[in-house]
């Protein structure tokens, strides 16, 4: 079992909600446990963030056996008034590595 994530002090450029969305955009079948490790969050925190995102209409999921498949709503507009005219897809394009780039780095 993975231990508690390292603590962080200070500010960051990207919110935990954005990190979780990027992990899901990278793999729609990703497990909460794997999101937690990637984002350095607890599984409970990831579950709360997913619930927030679903409640706000940015994300939905379907259950297939023991696996969740997530669906992001890329046309939803960002929440902050300064970015309210930008779709979620614009943010995700910055955060999610293109498959061709990922293959080139291996």
PDB file of N, CA and C in Angstrom:
ATOM      1  N   UNK A   1       0.841  -1.181   0.000  1.00  0.00           N
ATOM      2  CA  UNK A   1       0.000   0.000   0.000  1.00  0.00           C
ATOM      3  C   UNK A   1       0.882   1.239   0.000  1.00  0.00           C
ATOM      4  N   UNK A   2       0.467   2.230  -0.726  1.00  0.00           N
ATOM      5  CA  UNK A   2       1.209   3.475  -0.844  1.00  0.00           C
ATOM      6  C   UNK A   2       0.984   4.312   0.404  1.00  0.00           C
ATOM      7  N   UNK A   3       2.062   4.914   0.918  1.00  0.00           N
ATOM      8  CA  UNK A   3       1.962   5.751   2.103  1.00  0.00           C
ATOM      9  C   UNK A   3       1.292   7.072   1.803  1.00  0.00           C
ATOM     10  N   UNK A   4       1.195   7.890   2.810  1.00  0.00           N
ATOM     11  CA  UNK A   4       0.577   9.211   2.663  1.00  0.00           C
ATOM     12  C   UNK A   4       1.416  10.064   1.725  1.00  0.00           C
ATOM     13  N   UNK A   5       0.760  10.890   0.916  1.00  0.00           N
ATOM     14  CA  UNK A   5       1.500  11.760   0.005  1.00  0.00           C
ATOM     15  C   UNK A   5       2.387  12.738   0.771  1.00  0.00           C
ATOM     16  N   UNK A   6       3.470  13.151   0.118  1.00  0.00           N
ATOM     17  CA  UNK A   6       4.346  14.151   0.725  1.00  0.00           C
ATOM     18  C   UNK A   6       3.553  15.435   0.935  1.00  0.00           C
ATOM     19  N   UNK A   7       3.852  16.125   2.028  1.00  0.00           N
ATOM     20  CA  UNK A   7       3.174  17.394   2.259  1.00  0.00           C
ATOM     21  C   UNK A   7       3.803  18.463   1.385  1.00  0.00           C
ATOM     22  N   UNK A   8       3.045  19.485   1.119  1.00  0.00           N
ATOM     23  CA  UNK A   8       3.515  20.589   0.290  1.00  0.00           C
ATOM     24  C   UNK A   8       3.098  21.879   0.956  1.00  0.00           C
ATOM     25  N   UNK A   9       4.011  22.810   1.006  1.00  0.00           N
ATOM     26  CA  UNK A   9       3.651  24.114   1.543  1.00  0.00           C
ATOM     27  C   UNK A   9       3.832  25.140   0.437  1.00  0.00           C
ATOM     28  N   UNK A  10       3.111  26.201   0.545  1.00  0.00           N
ATOM     29  CA  UNK A  10       3.185  27.233  -0.479  1.00  0.00           C
ATOM     30  C   UNK A  10       2.107  27.052  -1.530  1.00  0.00           C
ATOM     31  N   UNK A  11       2.225  27.807  -2.574  1.00  0.00           N
ATOM     32  CA  UNK A  11       1.198  27.791  -3.607  1.00  0.00           C
ATOM     33  C   UNK A  11       1.692  27.029  -4.825  1.00  0.00           C
ATOM     34  N   UNK A  12       0.749  26.634  -5.675  1.00  0.00           N
ATOM     35  CA  UNK A  12       1.062  25.951  -6.928  1.00  0.00           C
ATOM     36  C   UNK A  12       0.249  26.595  -8.044  1.00  0.00           C
ATOM     37  N   UNK A  13       0.641  26.341  -9.270  1.00  0.00           N
ATOM     38  CA  UNK A  13      -0.070  26.908 -10.410  1.00  0.00           C
ATOM     39  C   UNK A  13      -1.344  26.147 -10.743  1.00  0.00           C
ATOM     40  N   UNK A  14      -1.386  24.875 -10.443  1.00  0.00           N
ATOM     41  CA  UNK A  14      -2.495  24.030 -10.881  1.00  0.00           C
ATOM     42  C   UNK A  14      -3.222  23.481  -9.662  1.00  0.00           C
ATOM     43  N   UNK A  15      -4.556  23.536  -9.706  1.00  0.00           N
ATOM     44  CA  UNK A  15      -5.360  23.040  -8.582  1.00  0.00           C
ATOM     45  C   UNK A  15      -5.423  21.518  -8.593  1.00  0.00           C
ATOM     46  N   UNK A  16      -5.807  20.955  -7.470  1.00  0.00           N
ATOM     47  CA  UNK A  16      -5.989  19.511  -7.387  1.00  0.00           C
ATOM     48  C   UNK A  16      -7.119  19.046  -8.304  1.00  0.00           C
ATOM     49  N   UNK A  17      -8.152  19.863  -8.464  1.00  0.00           N
ATOM     50  CA  UNK A  17      -9.243  19.506  -9.374  1.00  0.00           C
ATOM     51  C   UNK A  17      -8.715  19.368 -10.805  1.00  0.00           C
ATOM     52  N   UNK A  18      -7.858  20.286 -11.214  1.00  0.00           N
ATOM     53  CA  UNK A  18      -7.279  20.217 -12.561  1.00  0.00           C
ATOM     54  C   UNK A  18      -6.378  18.995 -12.696  1.00  0.00           C
ATOM     55  N   UNK A  19      -5.622  18.680 -11.666  1.00  0.00           N
ATOM     56  CA  UNK A  19      -4.748  17.504 -11.711  1.00  0.00           C
ATOM     57  C   UNK A  19      -5.560  16.220 -11.877  1.00  0.00           C
ATOM     58  N   UNK A  20      -6.646  16.109 -11.110  1.00  0.00           N
ATOM     59  CA  UNK A  20      -7.496  14.917 -11.198  1.00  0.00           C
ATOM     60  C   UNK A  20      -8.121  14.826 -12.584  1.00  0.00           C
ATOM     61  N   UNK A  21      -8.618  15.933 -13.111  1.00  0.00           N
ATOM     62  CA  UNK A  21      -9.186  15.928 -14.460  1.00  0.00           C
ATOM     63  C   UNK A  21      -8.158  15.513 -15.497  1.00  0.00           C
ATOM     64  N   UNK A  22      -6.933  15.987 -15.366  1.00  0.00           N
ATOM     65  CA  UNK A  22      -5.883  15.624 -16.315  1.00  0.00           C
ATOM     66  C   UNK A  22      -5.585  14.127 -16.251  1.00  0.00           C
ATOM     67  N   UNK A  23      -5.571  13.563 -15.052  1.00  0.00           N
ATOM     68  CA  UNK A  23      -5.331  12.121 -14.905  1.00  0.00           C
ATOM     69  C   UNK A  23      -6.445  11.320 -15.573  1.00  0.00           C
ATOM     70  N   UNK A  24      -7.678  11.784 -15.420  1.00  0.00           N
ATOM     71  CA  UNK A  24      -8.813  11.100 -16.032  1.00  0.00           C
ATOM     72  C   UNK A  24      -8.793  11.287 -17.550  1.00  0.00           C
ATOM     73  N   UNK A  25      -8.429  12.473 -18.008  1.00  0.00           N
ATOM     74  CA  UNK A  25      -8.345  12.716 -19.452  1.00  0.00           C
ATOM     75  C   UNK A  25      -7.278  11.825 -20.082  1.00  0.00           C
ATOM     76  N   UNK A  26      -6.230  11.563 -19.347  1.00  0.00           N
ATOM     77  CA  UNK A  26      -5.151  10.719 -19.839  1.00  0.00           C
ATOM     78  C   UNK A  26      -5.567   9.252 -19.917  1.00  0.00           C
ATOM     79  N   UNK A  27      -6.470   8.842 -19.013  1.00  0.00           N
ATOM     80  CA  UNK A  27      -6.943   7.453 -18.986  1.00  0.00           C
ATOM     81  C   UNK A  27      -8.339   7.422 -18.368  1.00  0.00           C
ATOM     82  N   UNK A  28      -9.392   7.347 -19.175  1.00  0.00           N
ATOM     83  CA  UNK A  28     -10.768   7.378 -18.649  1.00  0.00           C
ATOM     84  C   UNK A  28     -11.130   6.202 -17.741  1.00  0.00           C
ATOM     85  N   UNK A  29     -10.312   5.152 -17.738  1.00  0.00           N
ATOM     86  CA  UNK A  29     -10.576   3.987 -16.883  1.00  0.00           C
ATOM     87  C   UNK A  29      -9.661   3.935 -15.671  1.00  0.00           C
ATOM     88  N   UNK A  30      -8.981   5.034 -15.381  1.00  0.00           N
ATOM     89  CA  UNK A  30      -8.011   5.071 -14.291  1.00  0.00           C
ATOM     90  C   UNK A  30      -8.715   4.825 -12.946  1.00  0.00           C
ATOM     91  N   UNK A  31      -8.016   4.131 -12.063  1.00  0.00           N
ATOM     92  CA  UNK A  31      -8.559   3.866 -10.724  1.00  0.00           C
ATOM     93  C   UNK A  31      -8.281   5.056  -9.804  1.00  0.00           C
ATOM     94  N   UNK A  32      -9.154   5.241  -8.834  1.00  0.00           N
ATOM     95  CA  UNK A  32      -8.980   6.322  -7.855  1.00  0.00           C
ATOM     96  C   UNK A  32      -7.625   6.182  -7.171  1.00  0.00           C
ATOM     97  N   UNK A  33      -7.219   4.988  -6.874  1.00  0.00           N
ATOM     98  CA  UNK A  33      -5.924   4.740  -6.233  1.00  0.00           C
ATOM     99  C   UNK A  33      -4.787   5.284  -7.102  1.00  0.00           C
ATOM    100  N   UNK A  34      -4.878   5.054  -8.404  1.00  0.00           N
ATOM    101  CA  UNK A  34      -3.817   5.509  -9.308  1.00  0.00           C
ATOM    102  C   UNK A  34      -3.828   7.028  -9.480  1.00  0.00           C
ATOM    103  N   UNK A  35      -5.021   7.618  -9.474  1.00  0.00           N
ATOM    104  CA  UNK A  35      -5.119   9.079  -9.524  1.00  0.00           C
ATOM    105  C   UNK A  35      -4.454   9.666  -8.280  1.00  0.00           C
ATOM    106  N   UNK A  36      -4.744   9.074  -7.133  1.00  0.00           N
ATOM    107  CA  UNK A  36      -4.187   9.564  -5.876  1.00  0.00           C
ATOM    108  C   UNK A  36      -2.660   9.548  -5.905  1.00  0.00           C
ATOM    109  N   UNK A  37      -2.080   8.476  -6.407  1.00  0.00           N
ATOM    110  CA  UNK A  37      -0.624   8.379  -6.478  1.00  0.00           C
ATOM    111  C   UNK A  37      -0.080   9.424  -7.444  1.00  0.00           C
ATOM    112  N   UNK A  38      -0.680   9.518  -8.624  1.00  0.00           N
ATOM    113  CA  UNK A  38      -0.200  10.471  -9.635  1.00  0.00           C
ATOM    114  C   UNK A  38      -0.280  11.911  -9.139  1.00  0.00           C
ATOM    115  N   UNK A  39      -1.370  12.243  -8.466  1.00  0.00           N
ATOM    116  CA  UNK A  39      -1.607  13.626  -8.027  1.00  0.00           C
ATOM    117  C   UNK A  39      -1.065  13.915  -6.629  1.00  0.00           C
ATOM    118  N   UNK A  40      -0.522  12.878  -5.971  1.00  0.00           N
ATOM    119  CA  UNK A  40      -0.026  13.013  -4.601  1.00  0.00           C
ATOM    120  C   UNK A  40      -1.115  13.499  -3.643  1.00  0.00           C
ATOM    121  N   UNK A  41      -2.261  12.835  -3.741  1.00  0.00           N
ATOM    122  CA  UNK A  41      -3.412  13.109  -2.890  1.00  0.00           C
ATOM    123  C   UNK A  41      -3.836  11.812  -2.225  1.00  0.00           C
ATOM    124  N   UNK A  42      -4.705  11.919  -1.237  1.00  0.00           N
ATOM    125  CA  UNK A  42      -5.281  10.719  -0.654  1.00  0.00           C
ATOM    126  C   UNK A  42      -6.435  10.243  -1.541  1.00  0.00           C
ATOM    127  N   UNK A  43      -6.770   8.977  -1.427  1.00  0.00           N
ATOM    128  CA  UNK A  43      -7.903   8.446  -2.193  1.00  0.00           C
ATOM    129  C   UNK A  43      -9.199   9.153  -1.800  1.00  0.00           C
ATOM    130  N   UNK A  44      -9.332   9.485  -0.541  1.00  0.00           N
ATOM    131  CA  UNK A  44     -10.523  10.190  -0.078  1.00  0.00           C
ATOM    132  C   UNK A  44     -10.635  11.565  -0.733  1.00  0.00           C
ATOM    133  N   UNK A  45      -9.507  12.272  -0.834  1.00  0.00           N
ATOM    134  CA  UNK A  45      -9.503  13.592  -1.486  1.00  0.00           C
ATOM    135  C   UNK A  45      -9.888  13.457  -2.955  1.00  0.00           C
ATOM    136  N   UNK A  46      -9.345  12.449  -3.629  1.00  0.00           N
ATOM    137  CA  UNK A  46      -9.681  12.229  -5.038  1.00  0.00           C
ATOM    138  C   UNK A  46     -11.173  11.940  -5.188  1.00  0.00           C
ATOM    139  N   UNK A  47     -11.723  11.130  -4.314  1.00  0.00           N
ATOM    140  CA  UNK A  47     -13.158  10.817  -4.367  1.00  0.00           C
ATOM    141  C   UNK A  47     -14.007  12.078  -4.205  1.00  0.00           C
ATOM    142  N   UNK A  48     -13.603  12.954  -3.287  1.00  0.00           N
ATOM    143  CA  UNK A  48     -14.341  14.214  -3.091  1.00  0.00           C
ATOM    144  C   UNK A  48     -14.239  15.100  -4.325  1.00  0.00           C
ATOM    145  N   UNK A  49     -13.060  15.167  -4.925  1.00  0.00           N
ATOM    146  CA  UNK A  49     -12.871  15.995  -6.119  1.00  0.00           C
ATOM    147  C   UNK A  49     -13.706  15.458  -7.265  1.00  0.00           C
ATOM    148  N   UNK A  50     -13.721  14.144  -7.453  1.00  0.00           N
ATOM    149  CA  UNK A  50     -14.545  13.549  -8.500  1.00  0.00           C
ATOM    150  C   UNK A  50     -16.010  13.872  -8.259  1.00  0.00           C
ATOM    151  N   UNK A  51     -16.461  13.791  -7.018  1.00  0.00           N
ATOM    152  CA  UNK A  51     -17.853  14.142  -6.694  1.00  0.00           C
ATOM    153  C   UNK A  51     -18.130  15.604  -7.023  1.00  0.00           C
ATOM    154  N   UNK A  52     -17.202  16.495  -6.692  1.00  0.00           N
ATOM    155  CA  UNK A  52     -17.353  17.921  -7.038  1.00  0.00           C
ATOM    156  C   UNK A  52     -17.501  18.101  -8.544  1.00  0.00           C
ATOM    157  N   UNK A  53     -16.615  17.454  -9.293  1.00  0.00           N
ATOM    158  CA  UNK A  53     -16.611  17.596 -10.743  1.00  0.00           C
ATOM    159  C   UNK A  53     -17.877  17.025 -11.376  1.00  0.00           C
ATOM    160  N   UNK A  54     -18.375  15.922 -10.816  1.00  0.00           N
ATOM    161  CA  UNK A  54     -19.627  15.348 -11.321  1.00  0.00           C
ATOM    162  C   UNK A  54     -20.811  16.251 -10.996  1.00  0.00           C
ATOM    163  N   UNK A  55     -20.839  16.765  -9.781  1.00  0.00           N
ATOM    164  CA  UNK A  55     -21.937  17.639  -9.372  1.00  0.00           C
ATOM    165  C   UNK A  55     -21.978  18.900 -10.228  1.00  0.00           C
ATOM    166  N   UNK A  56     -20.827  19.411 -10.629  1.00  0.00           N
ATOM    167  CA  UNK A  56     -20.758  20.625 -11.446  1.00  0.00           C
ATOM    168  C   UNK A  56     -20.952  20.340 -12.936  1.00  0.00           C
ATOM    169  N   UNK A  57     -21.050  19.078 -13.314  1.00  0.00           N
ATOM    170  CA  UNK A  57     -21.304  18.722 -14.706  1.00  0.00           C
ATOM    171  C   UNK A  57     -20.077  18.633 -15.597  1.00  0.00           C
ATOM    172  N   UNK A  58     -18.885  18.621 -15.015  1.00  0.00           N
ATOM    173  CA  UNK A  58     -17.657  18.508 -15.800  1.00  0.00           C
ATOM    174  C   UNK A  58     -17.294  17.057 -16.087  1.00  0.00           C
ATOM    175  N   UNK A  59     -17.883  16.143 -15.346  1.00  0.00           N
ATOM    176  CA  UNK A  59     -17.475  14.748 -15.390  1.00  0.00           C
ATOM    177  C   UNK A  59     -18.678  13.868 -15.087  1.00  0.00           C
ATOM    178  N   UNK A  60     -18.710  12.704 -15.714  1.00  0.00           N
ATOM    179  CA  UNK A  60     -19.699  11.683 -15.364  1.00  0.00           C
ATOM    180  C   UNK A  60     -18.978  10.338 -15.433  1.00  0.00           C
ATOM    181  N   UNK A  61     -19.613   9.317 -14.904  1.00  0.00           N
ATOM    182  CA  UNK A  61     -18.996   7.999 -14.982  1.00  0.00           C
ATOM    183  C   UNK A  61     -20.052   6.926 -15.153  1.00  0.00           C
ATOM    184  N   UNK A  62     -19.624   5.822 -15.727  1.00  0.00           N
ATOM    185  CA  UNK A  62     -20.451   4.631 -15.806  1.00  0.00           C
ATOM    186  C   UNK A  62     -19.677   3.502 -15.151  1.00  0.00           C
ATOM    187  N   UNK A  63     -20.416   2.626 -14.528  1.00  0.00           N
ATOM    188  CA  UNK A  63     -19.806   1.495 -13.821  1.00  0.00           C
ATOM    189  C   UNK A  63     -19.861   0.282 -14.733  1.00  0.00           C
ATOM    190  N   UNK A  64     -18.723  -0.342 -14.964  1.00  0.00           N
ATOM    191  CA  UNK A  64     -18.639  -1.563 -15.765  1.00  0.00           C
ATOM    192  C   UNK A  64     -17.960  -2.622 -14.922  1.00  0.00           C
ATOM    193  N   UNK A  65     -18.759  -3.453 -14.292  1.00  0.00           N
ATOM    194  CA  UNK A  65     -18.193  -4.436 -13.361  1.00  0.00           C
ATOM    195  C   UNK A  65     -17.603  -3.713 -12.166  1.00  0.00           C
ATOM    196  N   UNK A  66     -16.304  -3.892 -11.955  1.00  0.00           N
ATOM    197  CA  UNK A  66     -15.632  -3.219 -10.843  1.00  0.00           C
ATOM    198  C   UNK A  66     -14.877  -1.981 -11.302  1.00  0.00           C
ATOM    199  N   UNK A  67     -15.078  -1.601 -12.564  1.00  0.00           N
ATOM    200  CA  UNK A  67     -14.333  -0.493 -13.140  1.00  0.00           C
ATOM    201  C   UNK A  67     -15.246   0.681 -13.453  1.00  0.00           C
ATOM    202  N   UNK A  68     -14.780   1.881 -13.154  1.00  0.00           N
ATOM    203  CA  UNK A  68     -15.473   3.100 -13.572  1.00  0.00           C
ATOM    204  C   UNK A  68     -14.854   3.580 -14.869  1.00  0.00           C
ATOM    205  N   UNK A  69     -15.703   4.020 -15.783  1.00  0.00           N
ATOM    206  CA  UNK A  69     -15.235   4.692 -16.988  1.00  0.00           C
ATOM    207  C   UNK A  69     -15.752   6.117 -16.901  1.00  0.00           C
ATOM    208  N   UNK A  70     -14.821   7.062 -16.908  1.00  0.00           N
ATOM    209  CA  UNK A  70     -15.172   8.467 -16.750  1.00  0.00           C
ATOM    210  C   UNK A  70     -15.335   9.125 -18.105  1.00  0.00           C
ATOM    211  N   UNK A  71     -16.221  10.099 -18.162  1.00  0.00           N
ATOM    212  CA  UNK A  71     -16.439  10.878 -19.377  1.00  0.00           C
ATOM    213  C   UNK A  71     -16.373  12.354 -18.994  1.00  0.00           C
ATOM    214  N   UNK A  72     -15.444  13.057 -19.603  1.00  0.00           N
ATOM    215  CA  UNK A  72     -15.272  14.493 -19.368  1.00  0.00           C
ATOM    216  C   UNK A  72     -16.139  15.254 -20.359  1.00  0.00           C
ATOM    217  N   UNK A  73     -16.726  16.339 -19.903  1.00  0.00           N
ATOM    218  CA  UNK A  73     -17.532  17.211 -20.758  1.00  0.00           C
ATOM    219  C   UNK A  73     -16.638  18.362 -21.225  1.00  0.00           C
ATOM    220  N   UNK A  74     -15.931  18.208 -22.348  1.00  0.00           N
ATOM    221  CA  UNK A  74     -14.913  19.181 -22.759  1.00  0.00           C
ATOM    222  C   UNK A  74     -15.459  20.554 -23.140  1.00  0.00           C
ATOM    223  N   UNK A  75     -16.737  20.648 -23.443  1.00  0.00           N
ATOM    224  CA  UNK A  75     -17.313  21.931 -23.856  1.00  0.00           C
ATOM    225  C   UNK A  75     -17.786  22.790 -22.686  1.00  0.00           C
ATOM    226  N   UNK A  76     -17.779  22.218 -21.481  1.00  0.00           N
ATOM    227  CA  UNK A  76     -18.160  23.009 -20.296  1.00  0.00           C
ATOM    228  C   UNK A  76     -17.171  24.151 -20.128  1.00  0.00           C
ATOM    229  N   UNK A  77     -17.673  25.314 -19.753  1.00  0.00           N
ATOM    230  CA  UNK A  77     -16.806  26.485 -19.576  1.00  0.00           C
ATOM    231  C   UNK A  77     -16.148  26.455 -18.206  1.00  0.00           C
ATOM    232  N   UNK A  78     -14.963  27.026 -18.142  1.00  0.00           N
ATOM    233  CA  UNK A  78     -14.240  27.107 -16.867  1.00  0.00           C
ATOM    234  C   UNK A  78     -15.014  27.988 -15.894  1.00  0.00           C
ATOM    235  N   UNK A  79     -14.793  27.793 -14.612  1.00  0.00           N
ATOM    236  CA  UNK A  79     -15.626  28.418 -13.580  1.00  0.00           C
ATOM    237  C   UNK A  79     -15.243  29.843 -13.217  1.00  0.00           C
ATOM    238  N   UNK A  80     -13.973  30.180 -13.231  1.00  0.00           N
ATOM    239  CA  UNK A  80     -13.553  31.504 -12.783  1.00  0.00           C
ATOM    240  C   UNK A  80     -13.957  32.554 -13.813  1.00  0.00           C
ATOM    241  N   UNK A  81     -14.468  33.710 -13.371  1.00  0.00           N
ATOM    242  CA  UNK A  81     -14.906  34.739 -14.316  1.00  0.00           C
ATOM    243  C   UNK A  81     -13.818  35.175 -15.309  1.00  0.00           C
ATOM    244  N   UNK A  82     -12.559  35.110 -14.916  1.00  0.00           N
ATOM    245  CA  UNK A  82     -11.484  35.525 -15.821  1.00  0.00           C
ATOM    246  C   UNK A  82     -11.316  34.559 -16.992  1.00  0.00           C
ATOM    247  N   UNK A  83     -11.746  33.302 -16.826  1.00  0.00           N
ATOM    248  CA  UNK A  83     -11.635  32.305 -17.893  1.00  0.00           C
ATOM    249  C   UNK A  83     -12.992  31.762 -18.313  1.00  0.00           C
ATOM    250  N   UNK A  84     -14.057  32.458 -17.986  1.00  0.00           N
ATOM    251  CA  UNK A  84     -15.408  31.938 -18.199  1.00  0.00           C
ATOM    252  C   UNK A  84     -15.763  31.720 -19.663  1.00  0.00           C
ATOM    253  N   UNK A  85     -14.976  32.267 -20.579  1.00  0.00           N
ATOM    254  CA  UNK A  85     -15.277  32.055 -21.994  1.00  0.00           C
ATOM    255  C   UNK A  85     -14.451  30.915 -22.588  1.00  0.00           C
ATOM    256  N   UNK A  86     -13.641  30.245 -21.772  1.00  0.00           N
ATOM    257  CA  UNK A  86     -12.803  29.152 -22.255  1.00  0.00           C
ATOM    258  C   UNK A  86     -13.413  27.795 -21.902  1.00  0.00           C
ATOM    259  N   UNK A  87     -13.433  26.871 -22.850  1.00  0.00           N
ATOM    260  CA  UNK A  87     -13.937  25.527 -22.549  1.00  0.00           C
ATOM    261  C   UNK A  87     -12.886  24.712 -21.786  1.00  0.00           C
ATOM    262  N   UNK A  88     -13.352  23.730 -21.079  1.00  0.00           N
ATOM    263  CA  UNK A  88     -12.485  22.832 -20.326  1.00  0.00           C
ATOM    264  C   UNK A  88     -11.433  22.200 -21.234  1.00  0.00           C
ATOM    265  N   UNK A  89     -11.778  21.934 -22.473  1.00  0.00           N
ATOM    266  CA  UNK A  89     -10.835  21.328 -23.420  1.00  0.00           C
ATOM    267  C   UNK A  89      -9.572  22.174 -23.568  1.00  0.00           C
ATOM    268  N   UNK A  90      -9.690  23.483 -23.484  1.00  0.00           N
ATOM    269  CA  UNK A  90      -8.515  24.357 -23.598  1.00  0.00           C
ATOM    270  C   UNK A  90      -7.538  24.114 -22.464  1.00  0.00           C
ATOM    271  N   UNK A  91      -8.048  23.977 -21.262  1.00  0.00           N
ATOM    272  CA  UNK A  91      -7.192  23.695 -20.111  1.00  0.00           C
ATOM    273  C   UNK A  91      -6.561  22.316 -20.236  1.00  0.00           C
ATOM    274  N   UNK A  92      -7.372  21.330 -20.583  1.00  0.00           N
ATOM    275  CA  UNK A  92      -6.864  19.966 -20.665  1.00  0.00           C
ATOM    276  C   UNK A  92      -5.811  19.823 -21.752  1.00  0.00           C
ATOM    277  N   UNK A  93      -5.921  20.604 -22.814  1.00  0.00           N
ATOM    278  CA  UNK A  93      -4.914  20.517 -23.877  1.00  0.00           C
ATOM    279  C   UNK A  93      -3.530  20.916 -23.357  1.00  0.00           C
ATOM    280  N   UNK A  94      -3.488  21.731 -22.328  1.00  0.00           N
ATOM    281  CA  UNK A  94      -2.211  22.121 -21.726  1.00  0.00           C
ATOM    282  C   UNK A  94      -1.693  21.094 -20.719  1.00  0.00           C
ATOM    283  N   UNK A  95      -2.609  20.368 -20.098  1.00  0.00           N
ATOM    284  CA  UNK A  95      -2.239  19.483 -19.003  1.00  0.00           C
ATOM    285  C   UNK A  95      -2.029  18.031 -19.403  1.00  0.00           C
ATOM    286  N   UNK A  96      -2.632  17.609 -20.497  1.00  0.00           N
ATOM    287  CA  UNK A  96      -2.569  16.210 -20.892  1.00  0.00           C
ATOM    288  C   UNK A  96      -1.581  16.067 -22.028  1.00  0.00           C
ATOM    289  N   UNK A  97      -0.646  15.179 -21.825  1.00  0.00           N
ATOM    290  CA  UNK A  97       0.386  14.949 -22.821  1.00  0.00           C
ATOM    291  C   UNK A  97      -0.202  14.188 -24.006  1.00  0.00           C
ATOM    292  N   UNK A  98       0.077  14.667 -25.205  1.00  0.00           N
ATOM    293  CA  UNK A  98      -0.378  14.012 -26.420  1.00  0.00           C
ATOM    294  C   UNK A  98       0.262  12.629 -26.523  1.00  0.00           C
ATOM    295  N   UNK A  99      -0.496  11.655 -26.979  1.00  0.00           N
ATOM    296  CA  UNK A  99      -0.003  10.272 -27.100  1.00  0.00           C
ATOM    297  C   UNK A  99       1.289  10.209 -27.921  1.00  0.00           C
ATOM    298  N   UNK A 100       1.386  10.964 -29.000  1.00  0.00           N
ATOM    299  CA  UNK A 100       2.577  10.920 -29.846  1.00  0.00           C
ATOM    300  C   UNK A 100       3.799  11.460 -29.086  1.00  0.00           C
ATOM    301  N   UNK A 101       3.594  12.485 -28.251  1.00  0.00           N
ATOM    302  CA  UNK A 101       4.692  13.009 -27.446  1.00  0.00           C
ATOM    303  C   UNK A 101       5.135  11.986 -26.406  1.00  0.00           C
ATOM    304  N   UNK A 102       4.189  11.295 -25.805  1.00  0.00           N
ATOM    305  CA  UNK A 102       4.489  10.310 -24.773  1.00  0.00           C
ATOM    306  C   UNK A 102       5.307   9.167 -25.346  1.00  0.00           C
ATOM    307  N   UNK A 103       4.946   8.703 -26.525  1.00  0.00           N
ATOM    308  CA  UNK A 103       5.680   7.610 -27.154  1.00  0.00           C
ATOM    309  C   UNK A 103       7.100   8.051 -27.484  1.00  0.00           C
ATOM    310  N   UNK A 104       7.285   9.287 -27.943  1.00  0.00           N
ATOM    311  CA  UNK A 104       8.597   9.801 -28.290  1.00  0.00           C
ATOM    312  C   UNK A 104       9.530   9.939 -27.102  1.00  0.00           C
ATOM    313  N   UNK A 105       8.986  10.058 -25.896  1.00  0.00           N
ATOM    314  CA  UNK A 105       9.813  10.231 -24.699  1.00  0.00           C
ATOM    315  C   UNK A 105      10.266   8.913 -24.100  1.00  0.00           C
ATOM    316  N   UNK A 106       9.679   7.824 -24.503  1.00  0.00           N
ATOM    317  CA  UNK A 106      10.020   6.538 -23.888  1.00  0.00           C
ATOM    318  C   UNK A 106      11.278   5.953 -24.442  1.00  0.00           C
TER     319      UNK A 106
END
